[in-house]
C-alpha atoms as a PDB file:
ATOM      1  CA  MET A   1      75.120-121.812  34.432  1.00  0.00           C
ATOM      2  CA  VAL A   2      71.496-121.489  33.301  1.00  0.00           C
ATOM      3  CA  VAL A   3      70.128-124.513  31.445  1.00  0.00           C
ATOM      4  CA  LYS A   4      68.462-123.613  28.136  1.00  0.00           C
ATOM      5  CA  HIS A   5      65.594-125.715  26.816  1.00  0.00           C
ATOM      6  CA  LEU A   6      64.500-125.661  23.171  1.00  0.00           C
ATOM      7  CA  ILE A   7      60.848-126.164  22.309  1.00  0.00           C
ATOM      8  CA  ILE A   8      60.775-126.858  18.559  1.00  0.00           C
ATOM      9  CA  ASP A   9      57.694-126.942  16.335  1.00  0.00           C
ATOM     10  CA  PHE A  10      57.312-129.779  13.835  1.00  0.00           C
ATOM     11  CA  ASP A  11      55.434-128.573  10.739  1.00  0.00           C
ATOM     12  CA  SER A  12      57.325-126.082   8.551  1.00  0.00           C
ATOM     13  CA  THR A  13      60.048-125.938  11.225  1.00  0.00           C
ATOM     14  CA  PHE A  14      61.488-129.395  11.877  1.00  0.00           C
ATOM     15  CA  ILE A  15      60.178-130.491   8.476  1.00  0.00           C
ATOM     16  CA  THR A  16      59.873-128.436   5.293  1.00  0.00           C
ATOM     17  CA  GLY A  17      56.070-128.357   5.049  1.00  0.00           C
ATOM     18  CA  GLU A  18      52.731-129.096   6.702  1.00  0.00           C
ATOM     19  CA  SER A  19      52.341-132.801   7.449  1.00  0.00           C
ATOM     20  CA  LEU A  20      48.539-132.841   7.523  1.00  0.00           C
ATOM     21  CA  ASP A  21      48.457-131.152   4.111  1.00  0.00           C
ATOM     22  CA  TRP A  22      50.863-133.808   2.835  1.00  0.00           C
ATOM     23  CA  LEU A  23      48.628-136.535   4.246  1.00  0.00           C
ATOM     24  CA  ALA A  24      45.689-135.039   2.368  1.00  0.00           C
ATOM     25  CA  GLU A  25      47.714-135.022  -0.856  1.00  0.00           C
ATOM     26  CA  ILE A  26      48.342-138.739  -0.362  1.00  0.00           C
ATOM     27  CA  ALA A  27      44.779-139.632   0.680  1.00  0.00           C
ATOM     28  CA  ASP A  28      42.653-137.294  -1.462  1.00  0.00           C
ATOM     29  CA  PRO A  29      44.446-134.803  -3.739  1.00  0.00           C
ATOM     30  CA  SER A  30      41.141-133.143  -4.670  1.00  0.00           C
ATOM     31  CA  ILE A  31      40.890-131.369  -1.306  1.00  0.00           C
ATOM     32  CA  THR A  32      44.515-130.197  -1.132  1.00  0.00           C
ATOM     33  CA  HIS A  33      43.860-126.530  -1.936  1.00  0.00           C
ATOM     34  CA  GLU A  34      40.930-126.187   0.460  1.00  0.00           C
ATOM     35  CA  LEU A  35      42.860-127.858   3.264  1.00  0.00           C
ATOM     36  CA  SER A  36      45.945-125.685   2.690  1.00  0.00           C
ATOM     37  CA  GLU A  37      43.817-122.543   3.007  1.00  0.00           C
ATOM     38  CA  ILE A  38      42.456-123.726   6.361  1.00  0.00           C
ATOM     39  CA  THR A  39      46.006-124.524   7.525  1.00  0.00           C
ATOM     40  CA  LYS A  40      47.157-121.035   6.523  1.00  0.00           C
ATOM     41  CA  GLN A  41      44.320-119.363   8.438  1.00  0.00           C
ATOM     42  CA  GLY A  42      45.176-121.380  11.527  1.00  0.00           C
ATOM     43  CA  MET A  43      48.909-120.661  11.355  1.00  0.00           C
ATOM     44  CA  GLU A  44      48.265-116.926  10.995  1.00  0.00           C
ATOM     45  CA  GLY A  45      45.700-116.839  13.790  1.00  0.00           C
ATOM     46  CA  ALA A  46      42.589-116.153  11.681  1.00  0.00           C
ATOM     47  CA  LEU A  47      41.082-119.421  12.967  1.00  0.00           C
ATOM     48  CA  SER A  48      41.520-120.945  16.402  1.00  0.00           C
ATOM     49  CA  PHE A  49      43.717-124.018  16.308  1.00  0.00           C
ATOM     50  CA  HIS A  50      40.811-126.285  17.308  1.00  0.00           C
ATOM     51  CA  GLU A  51      38.667-124.869  14.480  1.00  0.00           C
ATOM     52  CA  SER A  52      41.502-125.345  12.006  1.00  0.00           C
ATOM     53  CA  LEU A  53      42.248-128.899  13.105  1.00  0.00           C
ATOM     54  CA  SER A  54      38.605-129.990  13.196  1.00  0.00           C
ATOM     55  CA  SER A  55      37.884-128.500   9.778  1.00  0.00           C
ATOM     56  CA  ARG A  56      40.862-130.238   8.192  1.00  0.00           C
ATOM     57  CA  ILE A  57      40.149-133.667   9.695  1.00  0.00           C
ATOM     58  CA  GLU A  58      36.520-133.459   8.542  1.00  0.00           C
ATOM     59  CA  LEU A  59      37.645-133.022   4.921  1.00  0.00           C
ATOM     60  CA  PHE A  60      39.169-136.471   4.432  1.00  0.00           C
ATOM     61  CA  SER A  61      39.558-139.937   5.947  1.00  0.00           C
ATOM     62  CA  PRO A  62      43.140-141.211   5.773  1.00  0.00           C
ATOM     63  CA  THR A  63      44.084-144.830   6.370  1.00  0.00           C
ATOM     64  CA  LYS A  64      47.034-146.429   8.137  1.00  0.00           C
ATOM     65  CA  ASP A  65      48.554-147.096   4.707  1.00  0.00           C
ATOM     66  CA  HIS A  66      48.337-143.377   3.862  1.00  0.00           C
ATOM     67  CA  ILE A  67      50.041-142.599   7.180  1.00  0.00           C
ATOM     68  CA  ARG A  68      52.839-145.077   6.406  1.00  0.00           C
ATOM     69  CA  LYS A  69      53.438-143.311   3.085  1.00  0.00           C
ATOM     70  CA  LEU A  70      53.473-139.970   4.907  1.00  0.00           C
ATOM     71  CA  ILE A  71      56.094-141.238   7.371  1.00  0.00           C
ATOM     72  CA  GLU A  72      58.398-142.094   4.472  1.00  0.00           C
ATOM     73  CA  LYS A  73      57.862-138.626   2.968  1.00  0.00           C
ATOM     74  CA  ILE A  74      58.599-136.952   6.317  1.00  0.00           C
ATOM     75  CA  LYS A  75      61.878-138.856   6.616  1.00  0.00           C
ATOM     76  CA  ARG A  76      62.908-137.310   3.273  1.00  0.00           C
ATOM     77  CA  SER A  77      61.702-133.834   4.237  1.00  0.00           C
ATOM     78  CA  ILE A  78      63.627-132.836   7.360  1.00  0.00           C
ATOM     79  CA  THR A  79      64.580-129.159   7.146  1.00  0.00           C
ATOM     80  CA  PRO A  80      68.086-128.871   5.607  1.00  0.00           C
ATOM     81  CA  SER A  81      69.695-126.851   8.412  1.00  0.00           C
ATOM     82  CA  LEU A  82      68.475-129.394  10.966  1.00  0.00           C
ATOM     83  CA  ILE A  83      69.982-132.237   8.941  1.00  0.00           C
ATOM     84  CA  HIS A  84      73.236-130.277   8.833  1.00  0.00           C
ATOM     85  CA  ASN A  85      73.110-129.947  12.640  1.00  0.00           C
ATOM     86  CA  GLN A  86      71.832-133.440  13.467  1.00  0.00           C
ATOM     87  CA  LYS A  87      74.887-134.293  15.560  1.00  0.00           C
ATOM     88  CA  TRP A  88      74.447-131.117  17.665  1.00  0.00           C
ATOM     89  CA  ILE A  89      70.764-131.878  18.145  1.00  0.00           C
ATOM     90  CA  GLN A  90      71.549-135.418  19.293  1.00  0.00           C
ATOM     91  CA  GLN A  91      74.182-134.093  21.705  1.00  0.00           C
ATOM     92  CA  HIS A  92      71.620-131.708  23.239  1.00  0.00           C
ATOM     93  CA  ARG A  93      68.601-133.984  23.046  1.00  0.00           C
ATOM     94  CA  ASN A  94      67.999-133.867  26.803  1.00  0.00           C
ATOM     95  CA  GLU A  95      67.142-130.171  26.410  1.00  0.00           C
ATOM     96  CA  ILE A  96      65.130-130.450  23.169  1.00  0.00           C
ATOM     97  CA  TYR A  97      61.368-131.015  22.977  1.00  0.00           C
ATOM     98  CA  ILE A  98      59.128-131.286  19.918  1.00  0.00           C
ATOM     99  CA  ILE A  99      55.679-129.880  20.660  1.00  0.00           C
ATOM    100  CA  SER A 100      53.265-129.812  17.759  1.00  0.00           C
ATOM    101  CA  GLY A 101      49.659-129.690  16.716  1.00  0.00           C
ATOM    102  CA  GLY A 102      50.573-132.492  14.304  1.00  0.00           C
ATOM    103  CA  PHE A 103      50.035-136.157  15.096  1.00  0.00           C
ATOM    104  CA  VAL A 104      52.346-138.514  16.963  1.00  0.00           C
ATOM    105  CA  ASP A 105      51.039-141.273  14.676  1.00  0.00           C
ATOM    106  CA  TYR A 106      53.408-140.049  11.955  1.00  0.00           C
ATOM    107  CA  MET A 107      55.801-137.824  13.947  1.00  0.00           C
ATOM    108  CA  GLN A 108      57.177-140.388  16.385  1.00  0.00           C
ATOM    109  CA  GLU A 109      59.105-142.667  14.046  1.00  0.00           C
ATOM    110  CA  PRO A 110      60.918-139.976  11.986  1.00  0.00           C
ATOM    111  CA  LEU A 111      61.792-137.947  15.086  1.00  0.00           C
ATOM    112  CA  GLU A 112      63.105-140.913  17.049  1.00  0.00           C
ATOM    113  CA  SER A 113      65.194-142.054  14.080  1.00  0.00           C
ATOM    114  CA  PHE A 114      66.645-138.525  13.911  1.00  0.00           C
ATOM    115  CA  GLY A 115      67.657-138.705  17.567  1.00  0.00           C
ATOM    116  CA  ILE A 116      64.846-137.000  19.484  1.00  0.00           C
ATOM    117  CA  LEU A 117      63.951-138.704  22.781  1.00  0.00           C
ATOM    118  CA  SER A 118      60.589-140.467  22.567  1.00  0.00           C
ATOM    119  CA  HIS A 119      59.291-138.913  25.789  1.00  0.00           C
ATOM    120  CA  HIS A 120      60.190-135.445  24.478  1.00  0.00           C
ATOM    121  CA  ILE A 121      57.729-135.716  21.559  1.00  0.00           C
ATOM    122  CA  PHE A 122      54.258-134.251  22.058  1.00  0.00           C
ATOM    123  CA  GLY A 123      51.453-134.137  19.501  1.00  0.00           C
ATOM    124  CA  ASN A 124      47.855-135.013  18.810  1.00  0.00           C
ATOM    125  CA  SER A 125      46.641-138.571  18.198  1.00  0.00           C
ATOM    126  CA  PHE A 126      44.200-140.045  15.702  1.00  0.00           C
ATOM    127  CA  ILE A 127      41.213-142.228  16.541  1.00  0.00           C
ATOM    128  CA  TYR A 128      40.765-145.257  14.271  1.00  0.00           C
ATOM    129  CA  ASP A 129      37.982-147.537  13.159  1.00  0.00           C
ATOM    130  CA  GLY A 130      39.957-150.454  11.795  1.00  0.00           C
ATOM    131  CA  ASP A 131      42.457-148.993   9.329  1.00  0.00           C
ATOM    132  CA  HIS A 132      40.596-145.700   8.857  1.00  0.00           C
ATOM    133  CA  VAL A 133      41.046-142.458  10.784  1.00  0.00           C
ATOM    134  CA  VAL A 134      37.631-141.357  12.061  1.00  0.00           C
ATOM    135  CA  GLY A 135      38.684-138.472  14.281  1.00  0.00           C
ATOM    136  CA  PHE A 136      41.190-137.315  16.869  1.00  0.00           C
ATOM    137  CA  ASP A 137      41.500-137.205  20.642  1.00  0.00           C
ATOM    138  CA  ARG A 138      39.667-134.013  21.568  1.00  0.00           C
ATOM    139  CA  HIS A 139      40.796-134.315  25.197  1.00  0.00           C
ATOM    140  CA  ASN A 140      44.433-133.792  24.191  1.00  0.00           C
ATOM    141  CA  PRO A 141      45.361-130.198  25.110  1.00  0.00           C
ATOM    142  CA  LEU A 142      47.265-129.885  21.819  1.00  0.00           C
ATOM    143  CA  SER A 143      43.972-130.107  19.915  1.00  0.00           C
ATOM    144  CA  HIS A 144      42.936-126.750  21.427  1.00  0.00           C
ATOM    145  CA  SER A 145      44.203-123.183  21.334  1.00  0.00           C
ATOM    146  CA  GLY A 146      46.682-122.646  24.143  1.00  0.00           C
ATOM    147  CA  GLY A 147      47.507-126.348  24.229  1.00  0.00           C
ATOM    148  CA  LYS A 148      51.211-125.878  23.604  1.00  0.00           C
ATOM    149  CA  GLU A 149      51.447-123.538  26.579  1.00  0.00           C
ATOM    150  CA  THR A 150      49.692-126.146  28.732  1.00  0.00           C
ATOM    151  CA  VAL A 151      52.142-128.867  27.688  1.00  0.00           C
ATOM    152  CA  VAL A 152      55.192-126.659  28.267  1.00  0.00           C
ATOM    153  CA  SER A 153      53.901-125.545  31.676  1.00  0.00           C
ATOM    154  CA  ASN A 154      53.305-129.161  32.682  1.00  0.00           C
ATOM    155  CA  LEU A 155      56.930-130.015  31.834  1.00  0.00           C
ATOM    156  CA  ASN A 156      57.961-127.656  34.663  1.00  0.00           C
ATOM    157  CA  LEU A 157      61.299-126.906  33.001  1.00  0.00           C
ATOM    158  CA  LYS A 158      63.952-125.160  35.106  1.00  0.00           C
ATOM    159  CA  GLY A 159      66.060-122.586  33.319  1.00  0.00           C
ATOM    160  CA  GLU A 160      65.503-120.584  30.123  1.00  0.00           C
ATOM    161  CA  VAL A 161      62.789-121.841  27.771  1.00  0.00           C
ATOM    162  CA  ILE A 162      63.222-120.913  24.099  1.00  0.00           C
ATOM    163  CA  VAL A 163      60.490-121.594  21.549  1.00  0.00           C
ATOM    164  CA  VAL A 164      61.414-122.069  17.886  1.00  0.00           C
ATOM    165  CA  GLY A 165      58.603-122.158  15.332  1.00  0.00           C
ATOM    166  CA  ASP A 166      56.820-120.629  12.367  1.00  0.00           C
ATOM    167  CA  GLY A 167      53.247-120.263  13.633  1.00  0.00           C
ATOM    168  CA  ILE A 168      51.125-118.162  15.934  1.00  0.00           C
ATOM    169  CA  THR A 169      50.638-121.094  18.351  1.00  0.00           C
ATOM    170  CA  ASP A 170      54.403-121.116  18.932  1.00  0.00           C
ATOM    171  CA  TYR A 171      54.434-117.414  19.777  1.00  0.00           C
ATOM    172  CA  GLU A 172      51.504-117.941  22.139  1.00  0.00           C
ATOM    173  CA  ILE A 173      53.666-120.178  24.372  1.00  0.00           C
ATOM    174  CA  LYS A 174      55.688-117.095  25.277  1.00  0.00           C
ATOM    175  CA  LYS A 175      52.697-114.756  25.247  1.00  0.00           C
ATOM    176  CA  GLN A 176      50.982-116.923  27.843  1.00  0.00           C
ATOM    177  CA  GLY A 177      54.062-116.964  30.069  1.00  0.00           C
ATOM    178  CA  ALA A 178      55.416-120.487  29.562  1.00  0.00           C
ATOM    179  CA  ALA A 179      58.584-119.434  27.688  1.00  0.00           C
ATOM    180  CA  ASP A 180      61.217-116.737  27.944  1.00  0.00           C
ATOM    181  CA  MET A 181      61.842-116.209  24.226  1.00  0.00           C
ATOM    182  CA  PHE A 182      60.141-116.819  20.889  1.00  0.00           C
ATOM    183  CA  ILE A 183      62.310-117.310  17.805  1.00  0.00           C
ATOM    184  CA  ALA A 184      60.453-117.135  14.483  1.00  0.00           C
ATOM    185  CA  PHE A 185      61.906-119.781  12.158  1.00  0.00           C
ATOM    186  CA  THR A 186      61.684-118.697   8.510  1.00  0.00           C
ATOM    187  CA  GLU A 187      63.818-121.223   6.621  1.00  0.00           C
ATOM    188  CA  ASN A 188      60.700-122.861   5.159  1.00  0.00           C
ATOM    189  CA  ILE A 189      58.083-120.107   5.388  1.00  0.00           C
ATOM    190  CA  SER A 190      57.871-116.587   6.761  1.00  0.00           C
ATOM    191  CA  ARG A 191      54.537-115.398   8.132  1.00  0.00           C
ATOM    192  CA  PRO A 192      54.471-111.608   8.756  1.00  0.00           C
ATOM    193  CA  SER A 193      51.763-111.971  11.407  1.00  0.00           C
ATOM    194  CA  VAL A 194      54.199-114.210  13.305  1.00  0.00           C
ATOM    195  CA  THR A 195      57.580-112.585  12.641  1.00  0.00           C
ATOM    196  CA  GLN A 196      56.353-109.202  13.872  1.00  0.00           C
ATOM    197  CA  LYS A 197      55.783-110.764  17.282  1.00  0.00           C
ATOM    198  CA  ALA A 198      59.142-112.553  17.497  1.00  0.00           C
ATOM    199  CA  ASP A 199      62.032-111.718  19.815  1.00  0.00           C
ATOM    200  CA  LYS A 200      64.370-112.967  17.107  1.00  0.00           C
ATOM    201  CA  ILE A 201      63.949-114.057  13.478  1.00  0.00           C
ATOM    202  CA  VAL A 202      66.211-116.763  12.071  1.00  0.00           C
ATOM    203  CA  ASN A 203      66.564-118.298   8.629  1.00  0.00           C
ATOM    204  CA  SER A 204      68.351-121.479   9.690  1.00  0.00           C
ATOM    205  CA  PHE A 205      68.943-123.665  12.715  1.00  0.00           C
ATOM    206  CA  ASP A 206      72.581-122.507  12.724  1.00  0.00           C
ATOM    207  CA  GLU A 207      71.321-119.173  14.060  1.00  0.00           C
ATOM    208  CA  VAL A 208      69.328-120.933  16.772  1.00  0.00           C
ATOM    209  CA  ILE A 209      72.484-122.725  17.866  1.00  0.00           C
ATOM    210  CA  SER A 210      74.462-119.458  17.864  1.00  0.00           C
ATOM    211  CA  TYR A 211      71.940-117.916  20.239  1.00  0.00           C
ATOM    212  CA  TYR A 212      71.701-121.041  22.382  1.00  0.00           C
ATOM    213  CA  GLU A 213      75.466-121.135  22.868  1.00  0.00           C
ATOM    214  CA  SER A 214      75.857-117.394  23.469  1.00  0.00           C
END
């Protein structure tokens, strides 16, 4: 029997929105619209991921207190169909990985409390000066275009690799040969530039499970 591995995106897939946009709303609401536009361009492929990430981080300077508030918001914002299937996810956690361009600084705690294995969580990391974020680790492959593919390849998974996400960087994992299938997840947002490239389009995690178990 072939083992199936699920690579799940975090923003707008595991959670209902974009975590970095939420952090900006908490830290400096005045830049929310500008930051959301940059996020959108990155998700649709109009900007490289590194350009998108760098531009967003340059717009504001969050603190550890802002990040703590974001963590509490994330805990309340898990995508409904994932909450409904939490028991299934916990039962299959050895085959589930979260790979995101978001930041482990705020992803780790909510994901672990949900039941995701700590060593199956991959994201970017902030650089701090005291309590203030002053940048991010630019050596992390996830801060660059193609970084998700690099991380998945390095996992050296045996069996079928299925990517579930809403953005172009999720599709690129399959495009670059590190996954067998890309499922566009549209429960929270549907991006035509992404769905047209998908092997399958789903509106809930129930459909992901149906495919996984088929």
